[in-house]
Amino acid sequence: MSSTPAALPAAALESLLAFWVEAGVDSMLLDVAVDRIEAGKFVPPAPPPRIAAVAQAPARPGQPDIGGALVQAQAAAAQAQDIAGLAEAIAAFEGCSLRYEGAARQAVVWRGQIAAPLMIIGEGPGAEEDAKGQPFVGRAGQLLDRMLAAAGLTDRVFITNTVFWRPPGNRTPTPAEQLVCQPFLERAIALVRPKMLLLVGGASAKSMLKREEGILSLRGRWFEWRSSTGDLELPAMPTLHPAFLLRQPAAKKRAWFDLLTLTERLDRPERPA
């Protein structure tokens, strides 16, 4: 029997596509064959960091001024003296296009404990999050909550996202959208002062760590996150997104192992000064 995409049911195609997206595949096969051996005989120059390129690129006609919006976000975030003030600043911020393109109701900032030792950073809110005003409250969030409870972390987390408004169609937020929201996220980290970060999903890990690998390569590894100003530094672990785990239940054991590894380090006694 043929195994071409046309012969696969829609659910199987959706699951397969989701797997490749989480694995870091972001382009389609070419219509014309390419001699990869010949092409591999030279090393192309490394492209500039994608985030830096987004920040420095001039705005095209009809496009938002990313640089100006970033300056506004930095100023608004710096004035916030607590999480409540930060949430108000985000709700009033007009520099992120997602506010008008995807969000139907409100900004989605955080839930959990303000003084939590662990900050969980996802990608962006979905429809249920947009409706309720809190991150990770849909099916994926319910799975995340069950995993946190099993690991003894229920009351020890502060949960947020790289962007605070729902992307249209629940698509992945763009680097530009994440960049504009970055000052607010970094201010949240400065106010909460967690011991470490759990980066949930490929878009979160790539944005926070400035790396290009797929989540299947990044997950379960420790990295050092640094703020854009360089004055904040925290250990960070990427892991699989709960939405991916709902589509690929066999991957749950890997995410569970990541969570146990992080919990062990979180509870490890600090060395005396």
Protein backbone atom coordinates (compact mmCIF):
# COMPACT_ATOMS: atom_id res chain seq x y z
CA MET A 1 0.00 0.00 0.00
CA SER A 2 1.28 3.47 -0.87
CA SER A 3 2.77 5.52 1.99
CA THR A 4 2.66 8.83 0.12
CA PRO A 5 1.22 11.84 1.99
CA ALA A 6 -2.00 11.55 -0.03
CA ALA A 7 -2.59 8.10 1.48
CA LEU A 8 -2.18 9.27 5.08
CA PRO A 9 -5.15 10.40 7.18
CA ALA A 10 -5.33 14.07 8.17
CA ALA A 11 -4.53 13.32 11.83
CA ALA A 12 -1.37 11.45 10.86
CA LEU A 13 -0.26 14.27 8.59
CA GLU A 14 -0.82 16.84 11.36
CA SER A 15 1.15 14.74 13.85
CA LEU A 16 4.01 14.26 11.38
CA LEU A 17 4.15 17.96 10.56
CA ALA A 18 4.15 18.88 14.25
CA PHE A 19 7.03 16.45 14.85
CA TRP A 20 9.19 18.06 12.17
CA VAL A 21 8.39 21.57 13.37
CA GLU A 22 9.49 20.66 16.91
CA ALA A 23 12.61 19.01 15.44
CA GLY A 24 13.61 22.34 13.93
CA VAL A 25 12.68 21.76 10.28
CA ASP A 26 11.61 25.13 8.89
CA SER A 27 11.81 24.74 5.11
CA MET A 28 10.29 22.60 2.37
CA LEU A 29 12.11 20.29 -0.02
CA LEU A 30 13.11 21.88 -3.30
CA ASP A 31 11.40 20.91 -6.53
CA VAL A 32 14.81 20.50 -8.21
CA ALA A 33 17.38 18.03 -6.86
CA VAL A 34 20.53 19.48 -5.30
CA ASP A 35 23.94 17.78 -5.23
CA ARG A 36 24.58 18.02 -1.48
CA ILE A 37 28.06 16.51 -1.78
CA GLU A 38 29.14 19.18 -4.25
CA ALA A 39 27.42 21.91 -2.27
CA GLY A 40 29.16 20.74 0.91
CA LYS A 41 32.64 21.37 -0.46
CA PHE A 42 32.57 24.93 0.76
CA VAL A 43 31.48 26.55 4.01
CA PRO A 44 29.18 29.52 3.50
CA PRO A 45 29.75 32.60 5.68
CA ALA A 46 27.86 32.52 8.96
CA PRO A 47 24.72 34.65 8.88
CA PRO A 48 24.38 37.40 11.49
CA PRO A 49 22.30 36.59 14.58
CA ARG A 50 18.67 36.65 13.61
CA ILE A 51 17.61 38.75 16.56
CA ALA A 52 20.28 41.39 15.91
CA ALA A 53 19.28 41.51 12.26
CA VAL A 54 15.64 42.05 13.17
CA ALA A 55 16.51 44.87 15.57
CA GLN A 56 18.77 46.69 13.09
CA ALA A 57 16.69 46.22 9.94
CA PRO A 58 14.95 49.45 8.86
CA ALA A 59 11.19 49.39 8.83
CA ARG A 60 9.66 49.01 5.38
CA PRO A 61 6.66 51.08 4.31
CA GLY A 62 3.57 49.78 6.07
CA GLN A 63 5.65 47.74 8.52
CA PRO A 64 5.94 48.47 12.27
CA ASP A 65 9.00 50.31 13.53
CA ILE A 66 10.63 47.51 15.54
CA GLY A 67 13.46 49.71 16.81
CA GLY A 68 11.09 52.39 18.08
CA ALA A 69 8.78 49.85 19.67
CA LEU A 70 11.74 48.21 21.39
CA VAL A 71 12.82 51.53 22.91
CA GLN A 72 9.28 52.12 24.15
CA ALA A 73 9.13 48.64 25.65
CA GLN A 74 12.45 49.13 27.43
CA ALA A 75 11.27 52.41 28.96
CA ALA A 76 7.91 51.00 30.05
CA ALA A 77 9.45 47.85 31.51
CA ALA A 78 12.08 49.79 33.46
CA GLN A 79 9.40 51.82 35.23
CA ALA A 80 7.60 48.75 36.58
CA GLN A 81 8.42 48.26 40.25
CA ASP A 82 6.51 45.01 40.76
CA ILE A 83 4.72 42.32 38.76
CA ALA A 84 1.36 44.09 39.01
CA GLY A 85 2.89 47.24 37.57
CA LEU A 86 4.60 45.23 34.86
CA ALA A 87 1.31 43.59 33.87
CA GLU A 88 -0.28 47.04 33.61
CA ALA A 89 2.60 48.28 31.45
CA ILE A 90 2.25 45.30 29.12
CA ALA A 91 -1.52 45.76 28.86
CA ALA A 92 -1.01 49.41 27.88
CA PHE A 93 1.81 48.73 25.41
CA GLU A 94 0.87 49.26 21.77
CA GLY A 95 4.16 48.47 20.08
CA CYS A 96 3.57 44.74 19.44
CA SER A 97 1.54 43.99 16.34
CA LEU A 98 0.07 40.86 17.97
CA ARG A 99 -2.08 43.14 20.11
CA TYR A 100 -4.09 43.95 16.98
CA GLU A 101 -3.54 40.87 14.82
CA GLY A 102 -4.14 37.87 17.05
CA ALA A 103 -5.41 38.86 20.48
CA ALA A 104 -9.19 38.97 20.72
CA ARG A 105 -9.46 40.16 24.30
CA GLN A 106 -6.39 40.94 26.37
CA ALA A 107 -2.73 40.62 27.16
CA VAL A 108 -1.74 37.33 28.79
CA VAL A 109 1.11 37.94 31.21
CA TRP A 110 1.56 35.37 33.97
CA ARG A 111 0.21 32.97 36.56
CA GLY A 112 1.76 31.18 39.52
CA GLN A 113 3.85 32.49 42.40
CA ILE A 114 5.53 35.90 42.29
CA ALA A 115 8.51 34.74 44.39
CA ALA A 116 8.91 31.38 42.62
CA PRO A 117 12.33 29.70 42.38
CA LEU A 118 11.48 28.44 38.86
CA MET A 119 10.25 30.51 35.94
CA ILE A 120 8.61 28.64 33.06
CA ILE A 121 8.67 30.45 29.73
CA GLY A 122 6.51 29.21 26.88
CA GLU A 123 6.07 30.51 23.36
CA GLY A 124 2.81 32.47 23.29
CA PRO A 125 -0.82 32.33 24.43
CA GLY A 126 -3.54 30.47 22.53
CA ALA A 127 -7.29 30.99 22.27
CA GLU A 128 -8.11 29.74 25.78
CA GLU A 129 -5.30 31.79 27.29
CA ASP A 130 -6.52 34.87 25.43
CA ALA A 131 -10.02 34.29 26.80
CA LYS A 132 -8.95 33.72 30.42
CA GLY A 133 -5.97 36.09 30.59
CA GLN A 134 -3.52 33.51 31.93
CA PRO A 135 -0.83 31.42 30.21
CA PHE A 136 -1.04 27.63 29.86
CA VAL A 137 -4.68 27.08 30.83
CA GLY A 138 -5.76 24.97 27.84
CA ARG A 139 -5.15 21.25 27.29
CA ALA A 140 -1.38 21.78 27.07
CA GLY A 141 -1.43 23.80 30.27
CA GLN A 142 -3.42 21.13 32.07
CA LEU A 143 -0.81 18.56 31.10
CA LEU A 144 1.93 20.91 32.28
CA ASP A 145 0.16 21.33 35.62
CA ARG A 146 -0.07 17.56 36.08
CA MET A 147 3.63 17.19 35.36
CA LEU A 148 4.51 19.99 37.77
CA ALA A 149 2.34 18.42 40.48
CA ALA A 150 4.02 15.05 40.00
CA ALA A 151 7.42 16.71 40.34
CA GLY A 152 6.39 18.64 43.46
CA LEU A 153 6.60 22.03 41.73
CA THR A 154 2.98 23.20 41.77
CA ASP A 155 3.49 26.15 44.11
CA ARG A 156 7.05 26.89 43.04
CA VAL A 157 6.65 28.25 39.53
CA PHE A 158 6.01 31.53 37.75
CA ILE A 159 4.62 30.87 34.26
CA THR A 160 4.79 33.28 31.33
CA ASN A 161 5.58 33.41 27.59
CA THR A 162 7.96 35.09 25.15
CA VAL A 163 5.02 37.15 23.81
CA PHE A 164 1.95 38.36 25.66
CA TRP A 165 -0.70 38.37 22.95
CA ARG A 166 -2.07 35.46 20.96
CA PRO A 167 -0.47 35.06 17.50
CA PRO A 168 -3.04 34.74 14.68
CA GLY A 169 -4.13 31.14 14.26
CA ASN A 170 -1.92 30.13 17.19
CA ARG A 171 1.12 30.30 14.91
CA THR A 172 4.64 30.47 16.29
CA PRO A 173 5.63 34.03 17.30
CA THR A 174 8.18 35.66 15.04
CA PRO A 175 11.64 36.80 16.21
CA ALA A 176 10.51 40.41 15.77
CA GLU A 177 7.47 39.91 17.99
CA GLN A 178 9.59 38.18 20.62
CA LEU A 179 12.19 40.94 20.44
CA VAL A 180 9.66 43.68 21.13
CA CYS A 181 8.34 41.77 24.16
CA GLN A 182 11.83 40.90 25.44
CA PRO A 183 12.26 43.94 27.75
CA PHE A 184 9.06 43.02 29.60
CA LEU A 185 10.13 39.40 29.94
CA GLU A 186 13.56 40.36 31.22
CA ARG A 187 11.98 42.76 33.70
CA ALA A 188 9.74 39.93 34.93
CA ILE A 189 12.83 37.80 35.50
CA ALA A 190 14.49 40.66 37.40
CA LEU A 191 11.41 41.14 39.61
CA VAL A 192 10.70 37.46 40.31
CA ARG A 193 14.39 36.58 40.72
CA PRO A 194 14.04 32.83 40.03
CA LYS A 195 16.91 30.42 40.50
CA MET A 196 16.54 28.93 37.02
CA LEU A 197 14.45 28.92 33.85
CA LEU A 198 12.52 26.17 32.08
CA LEU A 199 12.14 27.04 28.40
CA VAL A 200 9.13 25.25 26.96
CA GLY A 201 9.14 24.63 23.22
CA GLY A 202 11.48 25.43 20.35
CA ALA A 203 10.42 29.06 19.85
CA SER A 204 11.03 29.85 23.52
CA ALA A 205 14.41 28.10 23.64
CA LYS A 206 15.68 29.69 20.43
CA SER A 207 14.57 33.17 21.45
CA MET A 208 15.91 33.04 25.00
CA LEU A 209 19.20 31.30 24.23
CA LYS A 210 19.85 32.87 20.79
CA ARG A 211 20.42 29.46 19.26
CA GLU A 212 19.23 27.90 16.02
CA GLU A 213 19.08 24.18 16.88
CA GLY A 214 15.74 22.40 17.03
CA ILE A 215 14.15 21.61 20.36
CA LEU A 216 14.94 17.89 20.05
CA SER A 217 18.61 18.85 20.05
CA LEU A 218 18.36 21.49 22.79
CA ARG A 219 16.05 19.71 25.24
CA GLY A 220 17.46 18.29 28.46
CA ARG A 221 20.68 20.32 28.25
CA TRP A 222 21.78 23.09 30.58
CA PHE A 223 22.57 26.53 29.17
CA GLU A 224 23.34 29.91 30.69
CA TRP A 225 20.75 32.54 29.86
CA ARG A 226 21.98 36.14 29.87
CA SER A 227 19.89 39.27 29.72
CA SER A 228 20.40 41.72 26.87
CA THR A 229 22.20 44.08 29.25
CA GLY A 230 24.40 41.32 30.64
CA ASP A 231 23.51 42.02 34.27
CA LEU A 232 21.31 38.92 34.70
CA GLU A 233 22.45 35.35 34.24
CA LEU A 234 20.59 32.14 35.09
CA PRO A 235 20.82 28.42 34.30
CA ALA A 236 18.17 27.45 31.76
CA MET A 237 16.91 24.12 30.42
CA PRO A 238 14.82 23.75 27.25
CA THR A 239 12.19 21.02 27.12
CA LEU A 240 9.41 19.80 24.86
CA HIS A 241 6.17 21.75 24.71
CA PRO A 242 3.14 20.06 26.32
CA ALA A 243 1.20 20.61 23.09
CA PHE A 244 3.80 18.46 21.32
CA LEU A 245 3.48 15.82 24.02
CA LEU A 246 -0.27 15.67 23.43
CA ARG A 247 0.42 14.88 19.78
CA GLN A 248 3.35 12.57 20.51
CA PRO A 249 2.64 10.78 23.83
CA ALA A 250 5.76 8.62 23.45
CA ALA A 251 7.87 11.76 23.98
CA LYS A 252 6.45 12.36 27.47
CA LYS A 253 9.19 10.28 29.11
CA ARG A 254 11.83 12.62 27.69
CA ALA A 255 10.05 15.71 29.00
CA TRP A 256 9.54 14.00 32.35
CA PHE A 257 13.25 13.21 32.54
CA ASP A 258 14.01 16.88 31.81
CA LEU A 259 11.71 17.98 34.61
CA LEU A 260 13.23 15.55 37.11
CA THR A 261 16.74 16.70 36.18
CA LEU A 262 15.74 20.32 36.69
CA THR A 263 14.00 19.59 39.99
CA GLU A 264 17.05 17.79 41.31
CA ARG A 265 19.22 20.82 40.59
CA LEU A 266 16.61 23.20 41.97
CA ASP A 267 16.54 21.31 45.28
CA ARG A 268 20.25 20.77 45.48
CA PRO A 269 21.70 22.39 48.62
CA GLU A 270 23.64 25.54 47.87
CA ARG A 271 27.34 25.44 48.58
CA PRO A 272 28.42 27.59 51.52
CA ALA A 273 29.98 30.90 50.54
